[in-house]
Amino acid sequence: MEKVLIDKISMDIINYNNLNNYSLGNVFNIIMNKYNIDNINKDKVMVKVISTISEYGYDIVSTHPLILKKYK
């Protein structure tokens, strides 16, 4: 899995305007569908994305609905 792709997915999730109060899983699937990626272990990608979101200085306050909070 390319780090660049993980970074893009992470930034898309951080910047996602969650007006419909989707869960982390729903937002993740929406973003993954945007990149049209097949034959990939989505669980591994999600773990890497969550770690990257944390590296960017965000905490996942709630997974349903998805709420992020900047801490850095």
N, C-alpha and C. Protein backbone atom coordinates (compact mmCIF):
# COMPACT_ATOMS: atom_id res chain seq x y z
N MET A 1 0.86 -1.19 0.00
CA MET A 1 0.00 0.00 0.00
C MET A 1 0.89 1.23 0.00
N GLU A 2 0.65 2.08 -0.95
CA GLU A 2 1.45 3.29 -1.07
C GLU A 2 1.09 4.30 0.01
N LYS A 3 2.12 4.88 0.60
CA LYS A 3 1.93 5.90 1.63
C LYS A 3 1.15 7.09 1.08
N VAL A 4 1.39 7.44 -0.18
CA VAL A 4 0.70 8.57 -0.79
C VAL A 4 -0.80 8.34 -0.80
N LEU A 5 -1.23 7.14 -1.14
CA LEU A 5 -2.65 6.82 -1.17
C LEU A 5 -3.25 6.87 0.24
N ILE A 6 -2.55 6.34 1.22
CA ILE A 6 -3.01 6.38 2.60
C ILE A 6 -3.16 7.84 3.04
N ASP A 7 -2.19 8.68 2.68
CA ASP A 7 -2.26 10.11 3.03
C ASP A 7 -3.48 10.77 2.38
N LYS A 8 -3.74 10.45 1.12
CA LYS A 8 -4.89 11.04 0.41
C LYS A 8 -6.21 10.62 1.07
N ILE A 9 -6.33 9.35 1.37
CA ILE A 9 -7.55 8.85 2.00
C ILE A 9 -7.72 9.50 3.37
N SER A 10 -6.64 9.59 4.13
CA SER A 10 -6.69 10.20 5.46
C SER A 10 -7.13 11.65 5.38
N MET A 11 -6.55 12.41 4.47
CA MET A 11 -6.91 13.83 4.33
C MET A 11 -8.36 13.98 3.87
N ASP A 12 -8.81 13.09 3.00
CA ASP A 12 -10.21 13.13 2.56
C ASP A 12 -11.16 12.89 3.74
N ILE A 13 -10.80 11.97 4.62
CA ILE A 13 -11.63 11.71 5.79
C ILE A 13 -11.60 12.91 6.74
N ILE A 14 -10.42 13.49 6.96
CA ILE A 14 -10.30 14.67 7.82
C ILE A 14 -11.15 15.81 7.28
N ASN A 15 -11.14 15.99 5.98
CA ASN A 15 -11.85 17.12 5.36
C ASN A 15 -13.29 16.81 4.98
N TYR A 16 -13.75 15.59 5.25
CA TYR A 16 -15.10 15.19 4.87
C TYR A 16 -16.14 15.99 5.66
N ASN A 17 -17.08 16.58 4.96
CA ASN A 17 -18.15 17.34 5.59
C ASN A 17 -19.29 16.37 5.92
N ASN A 18 -19.31 15.91 7.15
CA ASN A 18 -20.21 14.83 7.56
C ASN A 18 -21.58 15.37 7.97
N LEU A 19 -22.26 16.02 7.04
CA LEU A 19 -23.57 16.60 7.32
C LEU A 19 -24.63 15.54 7.62
N ASN A 20 -24.44 14.34 7.09
CA ASN A 20 -25.42 13.27 7.28
C ASN A 20 -25.10 12.40 8.50
N ASN A 21 -24.09 12.79 9.27
CA ASN A 21 -23.70 12.05 10.48
C ASN A 21 -23.40 10.58 10.22
N TYR A 22 -22.64 10.32 9.16
CA TYR A 22 -22.24 8.96 8.85
C TYR A 22 -21.21 8.47 9.87
N SER A 23 -21.14 7.16 10.01
CA SER A 23 -20.15 6.55 10.90
C SER A 23 -18.79 6.54 10.21
N LEU A 24 -17.76 6.22 10.98
CA LEU A 24 -16.41 6.10 10.43
C LEU A 24 -16.39 5.10 9.28
N GLY A 25 -17.05 3.97 9.46
CA GLY A 25 -17.09 2.94 8.42
C GLY A 25 -17.73 3.44 7.14
N ASN A 26 -18.84 4.16 7.27
CA ASN A 26 -19.52 4.69 6.09
C ASN A 26 -18.65 5.71 5.36
N VAL A 27 -18.05 6.64 6.12
CA VAL A 27 -17.20 7.66 5.50
C VAL A 27 -16.01 6.99 4.83
N PHE A 28 -15.41 6.01 5.49
CA PHE A 28 -14.27 5.28 4.93
C PHE A 28 -14.67 4.62 3.61
N ASN A 29 -15.82 3.97 3.57
CA ASN A 29 -16.27 3.31 2.33
C ASN A 29 -16.56 4.32 1.22
N ILE A 30 -17.13 5.47 1.56
CA ILE A 30 -17.40 6.52 0.57
C ILE A 30 -16.08 6.97 -0.05
N ILE A 31 -15.08 7.21 0.79
CA ILE A 31 -13.78 7.67 0.30
C ILE A 31 -13.10 6.57 -0.51
N MET A 32 -13.14 5.34 -0.03
CA MET A 32 -12.51 4.23 -0.77
C MET A 32 -13.15 4.07 -2.15
N ASN A 33 -14.46 4.22 -2.23
CA ASN A 33 -15.15 4.10 -3.53
C ASN A 33 -14.70 5.20 -4.48
N LYS A 34 -14.37 6.35 -3.95
CA LYS A 34 -13.88 7.47 -4.76
C LYS A 34 -12.61 7.08 -5.52
N TYR A 35 -11.75 6.29 -4.88
CA TYR A 35 -10.49 5.88 -5.50
C TYR A 35 -10.61 4.60 -6.31
N ASN A 36 -11.78 3.95 -6.26
CA ASN A 36 -12.06 2.77 -7.08
C ASN A 36 -10.94 1.72 -6.99
N ILE A 37 -10.64 1.33 -5.78
CA ILE A 37 -9.56 0.38 -5.53
C ILE A 37 -10.15 -1.02 -5.35
N ASP A 38 -9.63 -1.97 -6.10
CA ASP A 38 -10.06 -3.36 -5.99
C ASP A 38 -8.91 -4.21 -5.45
N ASN A 39 -9.24 -5.41 -5.02
CA ASN A 39 -8.25 -6.38 -4.55
C ASN A 39 -7.33 -5.80 -3.48
N ILE A 40 -7.92 -5.21 -2.47
CA ILE A 40 -7.14 -4.62 -1.39
C ILE A 40 -7.81 -4.99 -0.07
N ASN A 41 -7.00 -5.21 0.95
CA ASN A 41 -7.53 -5.54 2.26
C ASN A 41 -7.94 -4.24 2.95
N LYS A 42 -9.24 -3.97 2.95
CA LYS A 42 -9.74 -2.70 3.49
C LYS A 42 -9.49 -2.57 4.98
N ASP A 43 -9.43 -3.68 5.70
CA ASP A 43 -9.16 -3.61 7.14
C ASP A 43 -7.75 -3.07 7.40
N LYS A 44 -6.77 -3.54 6.62
CA LYS A 44 -5.40 -3.05 6.77
C LYS A 44 -5.31 -1.58 6.40
N VAL A 45 -6.02 -1.20 5.35
CA VAL A 45 -6.02 0.20 4.92
C VAL A 45 -6.62 1.07 6.02
N MET A 46 -7.73 0.62 6.60
CA MET A 46 -8.39 1.41 7.64
C MET A 46 -7.46 1.61 8.83
N VAL A 47 -6.75 0.58 9.25
CA VAL A 47 -5.81 0.71 10.37
C VAL A 47 -4.74 1.74 10.05
N LYS A 48 -4.19 1.68 8.84
CA LYS A 48 -3.16 2.64 8.44
C LYS A 48 -3.73 4.06 8.36
N VAL A 49 -4.93 4.19 7.87
CA VAL A 49 -5.58 5.50 7.76
C VAL A 49 -5.83 6.08 9.15
N ILE A 50 -6.31 5.28 10.08
CA ILE A 50 -6.55 5.76 11.44
C ILE A 50 -5.24 6.22 12.08
N SER A 51 -4.17 5.47 11.87
CA SER A 51 -2.86 5.88 12.39
C SER A 51 -2.41 7.20 11.77
N THR A 52 -2.62 7.34 10.48
CA THR A 52 -2.22 8.56 9.78
C THR A 52 -3.04 9.75 10.25
N ILE A 53 -4.33 9.56 10.45
CA ILE A 53 -5.17 10.64 10.97
C ILE A 53 -4.62 11.12 12.32
N SER A 54 -4.19 10.18 13.15
CA SER A 54 -3.60 10.52 14.44
C SER A 54 -2.28 11.27 14.26
N GLU A 55 -1.46 10.83 13.31
CA GLU A 55 -0.19 11.51 13.02
C GLU A 55 -0.42 12.95 12.58
N TYR A 56 -1.54 13.21 11.92
CA TYR A 56 -1.87 14.56 11.48
C TYR A 56 -2.44 15.41 12.62
N GLY A 57 -2.56 14.84 13.81
CA GLY A 57 -2.97 15.60 14.98
C GLY A 57 -4.45 15.58 15.27
N TYR A 58 -5.14 14.53 14.86
CA TYR A 58 -6.58 14.42 15.11
C TYR A 58 -6.88 13.20 15.95
N ASP A 59 -7.85 13.37 16.85
CA ASP A 59 -8.41 12.26 17.61
C ASP A 59 -9.77 11.93 17.02
N ILE A 60 -10.11 10.65 17.02
CA ILE A 60 -11.46 10.25 16.64
C ILE A 60 -12.27 10.27 17.93
N VAL A 61 -13.08 11.30 18.09
CA VAL A 61 -13.88 11.50 19.30
C VAL A 61 -15.05 10.53 19.32
N SER A 62 -15.64 10.30 18.15
CA SER A 62 -16.77 9.39 18.02
C SER A 62 -16.68 8.69 16.67
N THR A 63 -17.06 7.41 16.66
CA THR A 63 -17.07 6.69 15.38
C THR A 63 -18.46 6.67 14.76
N HIS A 64 -19.49 6.93 15.57
CA HIS A 64 -20.85 6.98 15.03
C HIS A 64 -21.66 8.04 15.76
N PRO A 65 -21.84 9.19 15.20
CA PRO A 65 -21.30 9.64 13.91
C PRO A 65 -19.81 9.95 14.04
N LEU A 66 -19.14 9.99 12.90
CA LEU A 66 -17.72 10.29 12.87
C LEU A 66 -17.50 11.74 13.30
N ILE A 67 -16.74 11.90 14.36
CA ILE A 67 -16.37 13.24 14.83
C ILE A 67 -14.87 13.23 15.11
N LEU A 68 -14.15 14.14 14.47
CA LEU A 68 -12.71 14.30 14.67
C LEU A 68 -12.46 15.58 15.43
N LYS A 69 -11.41 15.59 16.23
CA LYS A 69 -11.03 16.80 16.96
C LYS A 69 -9.52 16.97 16.84
N LYS A 70 -9.10 18.17 16.45
CA LYS A 70 -7.67 18.45 16.31
C LYS A 70 -7.08 18.65 17.70
N TYR A 71 -5.97 17.98 17.99
CA TYR A 71 -5.33 18.13 19.30
C TYR A 71 -3.94 18.73 19.21
N LYS A 72 -3.36 18.83 18.03
CA LYS A 72 -2.03 19.44 17.87
C LYS A 72 -2.14 20.81 17.27
